[in-house]
Amino acid sequence: MVGPGGAALTASAIKQRARELGADLVGIADGAFMDRLPEPGGVQLRPSRITDFDGDRVIVLARRLGAGTSRLTRWDERHKYYNDELALTGLEQTALELVLWLEDRGVPALIVPPTHVDPWRYSGDPEAHIEPLLSLDYAAVEAGLGTLGLNLQLLTPEFGPRVVLSAVLCSADVDCDAPMQRALCLGPACGRCLRACPGDVIGHWERDWPACDRYRSPHGFAQLTEFLGEVFDETDPEARAAMVRSRESFDLWQSILRGAGVLTGCRRCAEVCPVGEDYEALRDAQEAIAEGTEAKELRLADMVAAEQRSALPKDYVERRRWIGELGRD
């Protein structure tokens, strides 16, 4: 593709510009190919659901999360929520500037935020999990940035799972990256994500997403509707007024104001993951896992035994492309 003035628009030029704008990692996936892939477990992989014209390429952008926040060990640390929200805001600005740069070169483009869901898919149940319009974890694997872990979260060689993601769709005729073939995750033989999970939502290459949502969005829509319902049901005027002035009400208001606790929340599984060149800076704070239990250890032992018998679960088989081949040379 040739831009204004005859300058060639290449994958390398796009990646260089994305890094100049603040992305720590950038890869390009083949959106037209993603449209033909199976979608395991309701995961949304098809750019054509968003645009009929400008989805042949999915430019996936990643920004690392701060090491200081990843050294905080409480899952419900609001300071962490705010730092993560600021990182996400910064990455969204990077994505916007990249869109404008592409369009200056004659390439229409649009942003896919990581938390954007289709409101028409809302069923009226605030507890139900709704998949985003495009799964950026899976798109990042297609763009060569990493592989999925035991909890189906993106792992990268540089920062493990400690990244936030955004994406830009366009149809620039540029080269795409290839997915990694080998899994970065050691699976249940490591199991640190499962041990650390405060909601115990991680299984054998799968995750209980509705249960996880209560933690990763602790002041989100479900909690807001639940709290408002309790306020409406309270018949004592003084008790109702106290609820409106409560800490819970304040947290919800503060989260709506910035998205901290709504778009960001628990990431204990990411903090304890040993994958990533950045983990050495976290090891002294995160090596010990206080949330481990005997029941979790027994479940992990059962998973390890199953894999030793080559009895891999359906969830792995369906996601093998994105998890990668298990084992080490």
C-alpha atoms as a PDB file:
ATOM      1  CA  MET A   1       0.000   0.000   0.000  1.00  0.00           C
ATOM      2  CA  VAL A   2       1.257   3.464  -0.907  1.00  0.00           C
ATOM      3  CA  GLY A   3       0.345   6.545   1.093  1.00  0.00           C
ATOM      4  CA  PRO A   4       0.377  10.232   0.131  1.00  0.00           C
ATOM      5  CA  GLY A   5       3.564  11.277  -1.643  1.00  0.00           C
ATOM      6  CA  GLY A   6       4.307   7.723  -2.730  1.00  0.00           C
ATOM      7  CA  ALA A   7       5.571   6.537   0.682  1.00  0.00           C
ATOM      8  CA  ALA A   8       4.971   2.828   1.251  1.00  0.00           C
ATOM      9  CA  LEU A   9       2.837   1.910   4.249  1.00  0.00           C
ATOM     10  CA  THR A  10       4.290  -1.269   5.729  1.00  0.00           C
ATOM     11  CA  ALA A  11       3.769  -3.397   8.793  1.00  0.00           C
ATOM     12  CA  SER A  12       7.141  -2.182  10.111  1.00  0.00           C
ATOM     13  CA  ALA A  13       6.096   1.457   9.669  1.00  0.00           C
ATOM     14  CA  ILE A  14       2.822   0.874  11.511  1.00  0.00           C
ATOM     15  CA  LYS A  15       4.581  -0.880  14.388  1.00  0.00           C
ATOM     16  CA  GLN A  16       7.238   1.801  14.652  1.00  0.00           C
ATOM     17  CA  ARG A  17       4.585   4.518  14.813  1.00  0.00           C
ATOM     18  CA  ALA A  18       2.581   2.606  17.434  1.00  0.00           C
ATOM     19  CA  ARG A  19       5.690   2.321  19.634  1.00  0.00           C
ATOM     20  CA  GLU A  20       6.459   6.007  19.153  1.00  0.00           C
ATOM     21  CA  LEU A  21       2.924   6.743  20.358  1.00  0.00           C
ATOM     22  CA  GLY A  22       3.418   4.704  23.552  1.00  0.00           C
ATOM     23  CA  ALA A  23       2.668   1.046  22.831  1.00  0.00           C
ATOM     24  CA  ASP A  24       5.073  -1.389  24.488  1.00  0.00           C
ATOM     25  CA  LEU A  25       4.053  -4.270  22.210  1.00  0.00           C
ATOM     26  CA  VAL A  26       2.342  -4.290  18.821  1.00  0.00           C
ATOM     27  CA  GLY A  27       1.398  -7.066  16.420  1.00  0.00           C
ATOM     28  CA  ILE A  28      -0.805  -7.378  13.346  1.00  0.00           C
ATOM     29  CA  ALA A  29      -3.355 -10.167  12.927  1.00  0.00           C
ATOM     30  CA  ASP A  30      -5.110 -11.265   9.760  1.00  0.00           C
ATOM     31  CA  GLY A  31      -8.691 -10.134  10.373  1.00  0.00           C
ATOM     32  CA  ALA A  32     -10.024 -11.811   7.248  1.00  0.00           C
ATOM     33  CA  PHE A  33      -8.589 -15.125   8.497  1.00  0.00           C
ATOM     34  CA  MET A  34      -9.998 -14.543  11.994  1.00  0.00           C
ATOM     35  CA  ASP A  35     -13.451 -14.278  10.419  1.00  0.00           C
ATOM     36  CA  ARG A  36     -13.149 -17.930   9.396  1.00  0.00           C
ATOM     37  CA  LEU A  37     -11.920 -19.312  12.734  1.00  0.00           C
ATOM     38  CA  PRO A  38     -14.148 -21.308  15.122  1.00  0.00           C
ATOM     39  CA  GLU A  39     -15.220 -19.387  18.223  1.00  0.00           C
ATOM     40  CA  PRO A  40     -14.813 -21.568  21.334  1.00  0.00           C
ATOM     41  CA  GLY A  41     -17.166 -20.945  24.215  1.00  0.00           C
ATOM     42  CA  GLY A  42     -18.846 -17.912  22.700  1.00  0.00           C
ATOM     43  CA  VAL A  43     -15.607 -15.947  22.304  1.00  0.00           C
ATOM     44  CA  GLN A  44     -15.999 -13.183  19.692  1.00  0.00           C
ATOM     45  CA  LEU A  45     -13.263 -13.389  17.050  1.00  0.00           C
ATOM     46  CA  ARG A  46     -14.760 -11.879  13.909  1.00  0.00           C
ATOM     47  CA  PRO A  47     -13.892  -8.285  12.964  1.00  0.00           C
ATOM     48  CA  SER A  48     -16.721  -8.373  10.399  1.00  0.00           C
ATOM     49  CA  ARG A  49     -19.184  -8.122  13.298  1.00  0.00           C
ATOM     50  CA  ILE A  50     -17.853  -4.591  13.801  1.00  0.00           C
ATOM     51  CA  THR A  51     -17.158  -3.413  10.245  1.00  0.00           C
ATOM     52  CA  ASP A  52     -17.927  -4.706   6.765  1.00  0.00           C
ATOM     53  CA  PHE A  53     -15.099  -2.756   5.171  1.00  0.00           C
ATOM     54  CA  ASP A  54     -12.120  -2.101   7.455  1.00  0.00           C
ATOM     55  CA  GLY A  55     -11.382  -5.297   9.365  1.00  0.00           C
ATOM     56  CA  ASP A  56      -8.870  -7.154   7.199  1.00  0.00           C
ATOM     57  CA  ARG A  57      -6.103  -6.247   9.654  1.00  0.00           C
ATOM     58  CA  VAL A  58      -6.281  -6.175  13.470  1.00  0.00           C
ATOM     59  CA  ILE A  59      -3.448  -4.113  14.936  1.00  0.00           C
ATOM     60  CA  VAL A  60      -3.168  -5.208  18.574  1.00  0.00           C
ATOM     61  CA  LEU A  61      -1.531  -2.775  21.002  1.00  0.00           C
ATOM     62  CA  ALA A  62      -0.295  -3.583  24.498  1.00  0.00           C
ATOM     63  CA  ARG A  63       0.954  -1.389  27.317  1.00  0.00           C
ATOM     64  CA  ARG A  64       2.626  -2.842  30.383  1.00  0.00           C
ATOM     65  CA  LEU A  65       1.223  -2.367  33.859  1.00  0.00           C
ATOM     66  CA  GLY A  66       3.444  -0.725  36.454  1.00  0.00           C
ATOM     67  CA  ALA A  67       5.674  -2.988  38.544  1.00  0.00           C
ATOM     68  CA  GLY A  68       4.852  -0.965  41.651  1.00  0.00           C
ATOM     69  CA  THR A  69       1.154  -1.784  41.438  1.00  0.00           C
ATOM     70  CA  SER A  70       1.924  -5.433  40.679  1.00  0.00           C
ATOM     71  CA  ARG A  71       3.813  -5.614  43.982  1.00  0.00           C
ATOM     72  CA  LEU A  72       0.598  -4.812  45.900  1.00  0.00           C
ATOM     73  CA  THR A  73      -0.763  -8.159  47.061  1.00  0.00           C
ATOM     74  CA  ARG A  74      -4.363  -7.353  48.089  1.00  0.00           C
ATOM     75  CA  TRP A  75      -6.743  -8.156  45.243  1.00  0.00           C
ATOM     76  CA  ASP A  76      -9.110  -5.282  46.154  1.00  0.00           C
ATOM     77  CA  GLU A  77      -6.507  -2.507  46.328  1.00  0.00           C
ATOM     78  CA  ARG A  78      -8.226   0.556  44.847  1.00  0.00           C
ATOM     79  CA  HIS A  79      -4.916   2.317  44.211  1.00  0.00           C
ATOM     80  CA  LYS A  80      -4.142  -0.524  41.811  1.00  0.00           C
ATOM     81  CA  TYR A  81      -7.509  -0.064  40.082  1.00  0.00           C
ATOM     82  CA  TYR A  82      -6.709   3.594  39.445  1.00  0.00           C
ATOM     83  CA  ASN A  83      -3.214   2.948  38.135  1.00  0.00           C
ATOM     84  CA  ASP A  84      -4.545   0.291  35.773  1.00  0.00           C
ATOM     85  CA  GLU A  85      -7.313   2.601  34.568  1.00  0.00           C
ATOM     86  CA  LEU A  86      -4.734   5.306  33.826  1.00  0.00           C
ATOM     87  CA  ALA A  87      -2.637   2.793  31.853  1.00  0.00           C
ATOM     88  CA  LEU A  88      -5.736   1.839  29.867  1.00  0.00           C
ATOM     89  CA  THR A  89      -6.586   5.495  29.232  1.00  0.00           C
ATOM     90  CA  GLY A  90      -3.047   6.091  27.994  1.00  0.00           C
ATOM     91  CA  LEU A  91      -3.279   3.117  25.639  1.00  0.00           C
ATOM     92  CA  GLU A  92      -6.630   4.331  24.295  1.00  0.00           C
ATOM     93  CA  GLN A  93      -4.958   7.637  23.467  1.00  0.00           C
ATOM     94  CA  THR A  94      -2.233   5.706  21.646  1.00  0.00           C
ATOM     95  CA  ALA A  95      -4.896   3.844  19.653  1.00  0.00           C
ATOM     96  CA  LEU A  96      -6.671   7.083  18.744  1.00  0.00           C
ATOM     97  CA  GLU A  97      -3.452   8.726  17.568  1.00  0.00           C
ATOM     98  CA  LEU A  98      -2.630   5.631  15.497  1.00  0.00           C
ATOM     99  CA  VAL A  99      -6.077   5.780  13.852  1.00  0.00           C
ATOM    100  CA  LEU A 100      -5.532   9.428  12.929  1.00  0.00           C
ATOM    101  CA  TRP A 101      -2.030   8.644  11.595  1.00  0.00           C
ATOM    102  CA  LEU A 102      -3.417   5.829   9.417  1.00  0.00           C
ATOM    103  CA  GLU A 103      -6.253   7.970   8.118  1.00  0.00           C
ATOM    104  CA  ASP A 104      -3.791  10.740   7.223  1.00  0.00           C
ATOM    105  CA  ARG A 105      -2.265   8.071   4.957  1.00  0.00           C
ATOM    106  CA  GLY A 106      -5.551   7.165   3.314  1.00  0.00           C
ATOM    107  CA  VAL A 107      -6.413   4.140   5.479  1.00  0.00           C
ATOM    108  CA  PRO A 108      -9.778   4.293   7.285  1.00  0.00           C
ATOM    109  CA  ALA A 109      -9.441   2.782  10.772  1.00  0.00           C
ATOM    110  CA  LEU A 110     -11.332   2.393  14.037  1.00  0.00           C
ATOM    111  CA  ILE A 111     -10.574   1.501  17.656  1.00  0.00           C
ATOM    112  CA  VAL A 112     -11.762  -1.639  19.451  1.00  0.00           C
ATOM    113  CA  PRO A 113     -11.621  -1.013  23.230  1.00  0.00           C
ATOM    114  CA  PRO A 114     -11.003  -4.105  25.390  1.00  0.00           C
ATOM    115  CA  THR A 115     -14.235  -3.733  27.378  1.00  0.00           C
ATOM    116  CA  HIS A 116     -16.671  -2.799  24.591  1.00  0.00           C
ATOM    117  CA  VAL A 117     -19.721  -5.069  24.576  1.00  0.00           C
ATOM    118  CA  ASP A 118     -22.781  -5.004  22.329  1.00  0.00           C
ATOM    119  CA  PRO A 119     -25.707  -3.594  24.372  1.00  0.00           C
ATOM    120  CA  TRP A 120     -28.145  -5.485  22.127  1.00  0.00           C
ATOM    121  CA  ARG A 121     -26.760  -8.717  23.575  1.00  0.00           C
ATOM    122  CA  TYR A 122     -27.719  -7.727  27.125  1.00  0.00           C
ATOM    123  CA  SER A 123     -30.333 -10.191  28.395  1.00  0.00           C
ATOM    124  CA  GLY A 124     -31.587  -8.223  31.381  1.00  0.00           C
ATOM    125  CA  ASP A 125     -29.491 -10.283  33.794  1.00  0.00           C
ATOM    126  CA  PRO A 126     -26.748  -8.099  35.323  1.00  0.00           C
ATOM    127  CA  GLU A 127     -24.997 -11.240  36.613  1.00  0.00           C
ATOM    128  CA  ALA A 128     -24.577 -12.747  33.138  1.00  0.00           C
ATOM    129  CA  HIS A 129     -21.179 -12.554  31.450  1.00  0.00           C
ATOM    130  CA  ILE A 130     -21.144 -10.721  28.108  1.00  0.00           C
ATOM    131  CA  GLU A 131     -18.226 -11.263  25.767  1.00  0.00           C
ATOM    132  CA  PRO A 132     -16.648  -8.125  24.268  1.00  0.00           C
ATOM    133  CA  LEU A 133     -17.277  -7.393  20.590  1.00  0.00           C
ATOM    134  CA  LEU A 134     -13.811  -8.731  19.784  1.00  0.00           C
ATOM    135  CA  SER A 135     -11.660 -10.759  22.168  1.00  0.00           C
ATOM    136  CA  LEU A 136      -8.377  -8.889  22.318  1.00  0.00           C
ATOM    137  CA  ASP A 137      -6.618 -11.715  24.193  1.00  0.00           C
ATOM    138  CA  TYR A 138      -7.289 -14.079  21.294  1.00  0.00           C
ATOM    139  CA  ALA A 139      -6.544 -11.350  18.734  1.00  0.00           C
ATOM    140  CA  ALA A 140      -3.217 -10.719  20.481  1.00  0.00           C
ATOM    141  CA  VAL A 141      -2.330 -14.404  20.059  1.00  0.00           C
ATOM    142  CA  GLU A 142      -3.230 -14.168  16.362  1.00  0.00           C
ATOM    143  CA  ALA A 143      -0.957 -11.097  16.195  1.00  0.00           C
ATOM    144  CA  GLY A 144       2.001 -13.050  17.589  1.00  0.00           C
ATOM    145  CA  LEU A 145       2.175 -11.298  20.978  1.00  0.00           C
ATOM    146  CA  GLY A 146       1.856 -14.392  23.182  1.00  0.00           C
ATOM    147  CA  THR A 147      -0.319 -17.365  24.132  1.00  0.00           C
ATOM    148  CA  LEU A 148      -3.201 -17.979  26.520  1.00  0.00           C
ATOM    149  CA  GLY A 149      -2.565 -19.302  30.020  1.00  0.00           C
ATOM    150  CA  LEU A 150      -4.345 -21.807  32.252  1.00  0.00           C
ATOM    151  CA  ASN A 151      -6.912 -19.119  33.085  1.00  0.00           C
ATOM    152  CA  LEU A 152      -7.270 -18.144  29.378  1.00  0.00           C
ATOM    153  CA  GLN A 153      -5.521 -14.808  29.909  1.00  0.00           C
ATOM    154  CA  LEU A 154      -2.921 -13.544  27.456  1.00  0.00           C
ATOM    155  CA  LEU A 155       0.700 -14.176  28.456  1.00  0.00           C
ATOM    156  CA  THR A 156       3.534 -12.309  26.730  1.00  0.00           C
ATOM    157  CA  PRO A 157       7.257 -13.172  26.852  1.00  0.00           C
ATOM    158  CA  GLU A 158       8.116  -9.641  27.948  1.00  0.00           C
ATOM    159  CA  PHE A 159       5.475  -8.844  30.584  1.00  0.00           C
ATOM    160  CA  GLY A 160       3.591 -12.092  31.179  1.00  0.00           C
ATOM    161  CA  PRO A 161      -0.092 -11.225  31.644  1.00  0.00           C
ATOM    162  CA  ARG A 162       0.679  -7.781  33.113  1.00  0.00           C
ATOM    163  CA  VAL A 163      -0.535  -5.761  30.112  1.00  0.00           C
ATOM    164  CA  VAL A 164      -3.629  -3.892  29.001  1.00  0.00           C
ATOM    165  CA  LEU A 165      -4.787  -4.228  25.396  1.00  0.00           C
ATOM    166  CA  SER A 166      -6.461  -2.216  22.687  1.00  0.00           C
ATOM    167  CA  ALA A 167      -6.813  -2.766  18.954  1.00  0.00           C
ATOM    168  CA  VAL A 168      -7.182  -0.833  15.726  1.00  0.00           C
ATOM    169  CA  LEU A 169      -9.051  -2.275  12.757  1.00  0.00           C
ATOM    170  CA  CYS A 170      -8.148  -1.332   9.205  1.00  0.00           C
ATOM    171  CA  SER A 171      -7.685  -2.969   5.810  1.00  0.00           C
ATOM    172  CA  ALA A 172      -4.150  -1.836   5.014  1.00  0.00           C
ATOM    173  CA  ASP A 173      -2.483  -4.353   2.714  1.00  0.00           C
ATOM    174  CA  VAL A 174       0.442  -5.107   5.027  1.00  0.00           C
ATOM    175  CA  ASP A 175       2.079  -8.285   6.304  1.00  0.00           C
ATOM    176  CA  CYS A 176       0.582 -10.101   9.292  1.00  0.00           C
ATOM    177  CA  ASP A 177       2.328 -11.776  12.213  1.00  0.00           C
ATOM    178  CA  ALA A 178       2.060 -15.486  12.963  1.00  0.00           C
ATOM    179  CA  PRO A 179       0.863 -16.982  16.265  1.00  0.00           C
ATOM    180  CA  MET A 180       3.409 -18.606  18.581  1.00  0.00           C
ATOM    181  CA  GLN A 181       3.333 -22.400  18.420  1.00  0.00           C
ATOM    182  CA  ARG A 182       4.505 -23.339  21.920  1.00  0.00           C
ATOM    183  CA  ALA A 183       2.603 -22.494  25.076  1.00  0.00           C
ATOM    184  CA  LEU A 184       4.223 -19.945  27.375  1.00  0.00           C
ATOM    185  CA  CYS A 185       2.165 -21.314  30.271  1.00  0.00           C
ATOM    186  CA  LEU A 186       3.298 -24.376  32.241  1.00  0.00           C
ATOM    187  CA  GLY A 187      -0.340 -25.121  33.074  1.00  0.00           C
ATOM    188  CA  PRO A 188      -1.333 -26.936  36.282  1.00  0.00           C
ATOM    189  CA  ALA A 189       2.298 -27.946  36.869  1.00  0.00           C
ATOM    190  CA  CYS A 190       2.729 -24.282  37.826  1.00  0.00           C
ATOM    191  CA  GLY A 191      -0.841 -23.463  38.904  1.00  0.00           C
ATOM    192  CA  ARG A 192       0.093 -20.196  40.617  1.00  0.00           C
ATOM    193  CA  CYS A 193      -2.844 -18.347  39.061  1.00  0.00           C
ATOM    194  CA  LEU A 194      -5.290 -20.940  40.406  1.00  0.00           C
ATOM    195  CA  ARG A 195      -3.722 -20.861  43.867  1.00  0.00           C
ATOM    196  CA  ALA A 196      -3.921 -17.064  44.086  1.00  0.00           C
ATOM    197  CA  CYS A 197      -7.459 -16.553  42.721  1.00  0.00           C
ATOM    198  CA  PRO A 198      -9.626 -15.067  45.526  1.00  0.00           C
ATOM    199  CA  GLY A 199     -12.819 -16.264  43.845  1.00  0.00           C
ATOM    200  CA  ASP A 200     -11.442 -19.728  42.991  1.00  0.00           C
ATOM    201  CA  VAL A 201     -12.768 -19.360  39.432  1.00  0.00           C
ATOM    202  CA  ILE A 202      -9.903 -20.988  37.482  1.00  0.00           C
ATOM    203  CA  GLY A 203     -10.238 -24.522  36.190  1.00  0.00           C
ATOM    204  CA  HIS A 204      -8.353 -26.792  33.800  1.00  0.00           C
ATOM    205  CA  TRP A 205      -7.677 -24.420  30.886  1.00  0.00           C
ATOM    206  CA  GLU A 206     -10.924 -22.600  31.589  1.00  0.00           C
ATOM    207  CA  ARG A 207     -12.419 -19.908  33.796  1.00  0.00           C
ATOM    208  CA  ASP A 208     -15.829 -19.314  35.394  1.00  0.00           C
ATOM    209  CA  TRP A 209     -16.334 -15.908  33.778  1.00  0.00           C
ATOM    210  CA  PRO A 210     -19.539 -14.799  35.591  1.00  0.00           C
ATOM    211  CA  ALA A 211     -17.899 -15.551  38.953  1.00  0.00           C
ATOM    212  CA  CYS A 212     -14.671 -13.838  37.851  1.00  0.00           C
ATOM    213  CA  ASP A 213     -16.602 -10.719  36.786  1.00  0.00           C
ATOM    214  CA  ARG A 214     -17.513 -10.085  40.435  1.00  0.00           C
ATOM    215  CA  TYR A 215     -13.803  -9.637  41.143  1.00  0.00           C
ATOM    216  CA  ARG A 216     -12.370  -8.143  37.964  1.00  0.00           C
ATOM    217  CA  SER A 217     -15.181  -5.553  37.944  1.00  0.00           C
ATOM    218  CA  PRO A 218     -15.932  -5.253  41.686  1.00  0.00           C
ATOM    219  CA  HIS A 219     -17.913  -2.018  41.332  1.00  0.00           C
ATOM    220  CA  GLY A 220     -19.448  -2.811  37.965  1.00  0.00           C
ATOM    221  CA  PHE A 221     -22.995  -2.941  36.640  1.00  0.00           C
ATOM    222  CA  ALA A 222     -24.024  -6.057  38.593  1.00  0.00           C
ATOM    223  CA  GLN A 223     -22.937  -4.531  41.887  1.00  0.00           C
ATOM    224  CA  LEU A 224     -24.564  -1.200  41.034  1.00  0.00           C
ATOM    225  CA  THR A 225     -27.941  -2.774  40.246  1.00  0.00           C
ATOM    226  CA  GLU A 226     -27.684  -4.972  43.335  1.00  0.00           C
ATOM    227  CA  PHE A 227     -26.977  -1.992  45.592  1.00  0.00           C
ATOM    228  CA  LEU A 228     -29.736   0.150  44.072  1.00  0.00           C
ATOM    229  CA  GLY A 229     -32.185  -2.713  44.492  1.00  0.00           C
ATOM    230  CA  GLU A 230     -31.322  -2.902  48.197  1.00  0.00           C
ATOM    231  CA  VAL A 231     -31.810   0.859  48.541  1.00  0.00           C
ATOM    232  CA  PHE A 232     -35.220   0.691  46.818  1.00  0.00           C
ATOM    233  CA  ASP A 233     -36.292  -2.237  49.003  1.00  0.00           C
ATOM    234  CA  GLU A 234     -35.328  -0.526  52.270  1.00  0.00           C
ATOM    235  CA  THR A 235     -38.510   0.778  53.963  1.00  0.00           C
ATOM    236  CA  ASP A 236     -36.852   2.687  56.832  1.00  0.00           C
ATOM    237  CA  PRO A 237     -36.101   6.250  55.580  1.00  0.00           C
ATOM    238  CA  GLU A 238     -33.154   6.678  57.961  1.00  0.00           C
ATOM    239  CA  ALA A 239     -31.615   3.332  56.981  1.00  0.00           C
ATOM    240  CA  ARG A 240     -32.124   4.171  53.300  1.00  0.00           C
ATOM    241  CA  ALA A 241     -30.376   7.517  53.758  1.00  0.00           C
ATOM    242  CA  ALA A 242     -27.495   5.769  55.542  1.00  0.00           C
ATOM    243  CA  MET A 243     -27.122   3.362  52.606  1.00  0.00           C
ATOM    244  CA  VAL A 244     -26.943   6.269  50.145  1.00  0.00           C
ATOM    245  CA  ARG A 245     -24.181   7.840  52.273  1.00  0.00           C
ATOM    246  CA  SER A 246     -22.321   4.542  52.826  1.00  0.00           C
ATOM    247  CA  ARG A 247     -18.831   3.502  51.799  1.00  0.00           C
ATOM    248  CA  GLU A 248     -20.357   1.130  49.250  1.00  0.00           C
ATOM    249  CA  SER A 249     -22.248   4.013  47.646  1.00  0.00           C
ATOM    250  CA  PHE A 250     -19.092   6.128  47.633  1.00  0.00           C
ATOM    251  CA  ASP A 251     -17.055   3.360  45.972  1.00  0.00           C
ATOM    252  CA  LEU A 252     -19.680   2.944  43.253  1.00  0.00           C
ATOM    253  CA  TRP A 253     -19.818   6.700  42.616  1.00  0.00           C
ATOM    254  CA  GLN A 254     -16.038   6.942  42.494  1.00  0.00           C
ATOM    255  CA  SER A 255     -15.805   3.985  40.106  1.00  0.00           C
ATOM    256  CA  ILE A 256     -18.407   5.455  37.744  1.00  0.00           C
ATOM    257  CA  LEU A 257     -16.427   8.704  37.769  1.00  0.00           C
ATOM    258  CA  ARG A 258     -13.209   7.119  36.436  1.00  0.00           C
ATOM    259  CA  GLY A 259     -13.937   3.496  35.579  1.00  0.00           C
ATOM    260  CA  ALA A 260     -11.533   2.295  38.288  1.00  0.00           C
ATOM    261  CA  GLY A 261     -13.202  -0.781  39.764  1.00  0.00           C
ATOM    262  CA  VAL A 262     -15.441  -1.102  36.706  1.00  0.00           C
ATOM    263  CA  LEU A 263     -13.056  -1.403  33.767  1.00  0.00           C
ATOM    264  CA  THR A 264     -10.267  -2.499  36.112  1.00  0.00           C
ATOM    265  CA  GLY A 265     -10.275  -4.694  39.191  1.00  0.00           C
ATOM    266  CA  CYS A 266      -8.758  -7.889  40.545  1.00  0.00           C
ATOM    267  CA  ARG A 267      -5.696  -9.257  38.734  1.00  0.00           C
ATOM    268  CA  ARG A 268      -4.161 -11.516  41.360  1.00  0.00           C
ATOM    269  CA  CYS A 269      -3.638 -14.211  38.735  1.00  0.00           C
ATOM    270  CA  ALA A 270      -1.552 -11.770  36.673  1.00  0.00           C
ATOM    271  CA  GLU A 271       0.569 -10.590  39.600  1.00  0.00           C
ATOM    272  CA  VAL A 272       1.758 -14.049  40.632  1.00  0.00           C
ATOM    273  CA  CYS A 273       2.369 -15.409  37.125  1.00  0.00           C
ATOM    274  CA  PRO A 274       6.108 -16.177  36.681  1.00  0.00           C
ATOM    275  CA  VAL A 275       5.967 -15.779  32.883  1.00  0.00           C
ATOM    276  CA  GLY A 276       7.579 -12.587  31.613  1.00  0.00           C
ATOM    277  CA  GLU A 277      10.949 -10.885  31.790  1.00  0.00           C
ATOM    278  CA  ASP A 278       9.457  -8.394  34.270  1.00  0.00           C
ATOM    279  CA  TYR A 279       8.668 -10.996  36.954  1.00  0.00           C
ATOM    280  CA  GLU A 280      12.067 -10.725  38.654  1.00  0.00           C
ATOM    281  CA  ALA A 281      11.086  -7.249  39.888  1.00  0.00           C
ATOM    282  CA  LEU A 282       7.984  -8.790  41.514  1.00  0.00           C
ATOM    283  CA  ARG A 283       9.383 -12.027  42.905  1.00  0.00           C
ATOM    284  CA  ASP A 284      10.126 -10.868  46.453  1.00  0.00           C
ATOM    285  CA  ALA A 285       6.604  -9.478  46.843  1.00  0.00           C
ATOM    286  CA  GLN A 286       4.651 -12.164  44.983  1.00  0.00           C
ATOM    287  CA  GLU A 287       6.480 -15.475  45.422  1.00  0.00           C
ATOM    288  CA  ALA A 288       4.436 -16.466  48.483  1.00  0.00           C
ATOM    289  CA  ILE A 289       0.721 -16.993  47.774  1.00  0.00           C
ATOM    290  CA  ALA A 290      -1.483 -16.513  50.818  1.00  0.00           C
ATOM    291  CA  GLU A 291      -4.658 -17.651  49.051  1.00  0.00           C
ATOM    292  CA  GLY A 292      -3.466 -21.225  48.499  1.00  0.00           C
ATOM    293  CA  THR A 293      -5.560 -24.011  50.070  1.00  0.00           C
ATOM    294  CA  GLU A 294      -5.382 -27.786  50.329  1.00  0.00           C
ATOM    295  CA  ALA A 295      -8.459 -28.082  48.089  1.00  0.00           C
ATOM    296  CA  LYS A 296      -6.734 -26.069  45.365  1.00  0.00           C
ATOM    297  CA  GLU A 297      -3.622 -28.227  45.647  1.00  0.00           C
ATOM    298  CA  LEU A 298      -5.675 -31.401  45.255  1.00  0.00           C
ATOM    299  CA  ARG A 299      -7.399 -30.037  42.156  1.00  0.00           C
ATOM    300  CA  LEU A 300      -4.072 -29.074  40.621  1.00  0.00           C
ATOM    301  CA  ALA A 301      -2.675 -32.535  41.353  1.00  0.00           C
ATOM    302  CA  ASP A 302      -5.654 -34.089  39.561  1.00  0.00           C
ATOM    303  CA  MET A 303      -5.061 -31.824  36.538  1.00  0.00           C
ATOM    304  CA  VAL A 304      -1.358 -32.711  36.404  1.00  0.00           C
ATOM    305  CA  ALA A 305      -2.177 -36.410  36.600  1.00  0.00           C
ATOM    306  CA  ALA A 306      -4.727 -36.060  33.782  1.00  0.00           C
ATOM    307  CA  GLU A 307      -2.198 -34.325  31.532  1.00  0.00           C
ATOM    308  CA  GLN A 308       0.394 -36.992  32.261  1.00  0.00           C
ATOM    309  CA  ARG A 309      -2.161 -39.505  30.947  1.00  0.00           C
ATOM    310  CA  SER A 310      -2.681 -37.220  27.904  1.00  0.00           C
ATOM    311  CA  ALA A 311      -6.270 -36.751  29.078  1.00  0.00           C
ATOM    312  CA  LEU A 312      -6.499 -33.107  28.082  1.00  0.00           C
ATOM    313  CA  PRO A 313      -9.843 -31.387  28.757  1.00  0.00           C
ATOM    314  CA  LYS A 314     -12.199 -30.247  26.016  1.00  0.00           C
ATOM    315  CA  ASP A 315     -11.457 -26.624  26.904  1.00  0.00           C
ATOM    316  CA  TYR A 316      -7.809 -27.107  25.968  1.00  0.00           C
ATOM    317  CA  VAL A 317      -8.577 -29.075  22.801  1.00  0.00           C
ATOM    318  CA  GLU A 318     -10.934 -26.340  21.548  1.00  0.00           C
ATOM    319  CA  ARG A 319      -8.361 -23.617  22.309  1.00  0.00           C
ATOM    320  CA  ARG A 320      -5.149 -25.417  21.344  1.00  0.00           C
ATOM    321  CA  ARG A 321      -4.449 -22.850  18.604  1.00  0.00           C
ATOM    322  CA  TRP A 322      -4.367 -20.018  21.147  1.00  0.00           C
ATOM    323  CA  ILE A 323      -2.913 -21.849  24.174  1.00  0.00           C
ATOM    324  CA  GLY A 324      -0.164 -23.479  22.132  1.00  0.00           C
ATOM    325  CA  GLU A 325       1.463 -26.891  22.328  1.00  0.00           C
ATOM    326  CA  LEU A 326       2.218 -27.959  25.891  1.00  0.00           C
ATOM    327  CA  GLY A 327       5.546 -29.104  27.243  1.00  0.00           C
ATOM    328  CA  ARG A 328       9.140 -27.955  26.924  1.00  0.00           C
ATOM    329  CA  ASP A 329      12.042 -29.070  24.714  1.00  0.00           C
END
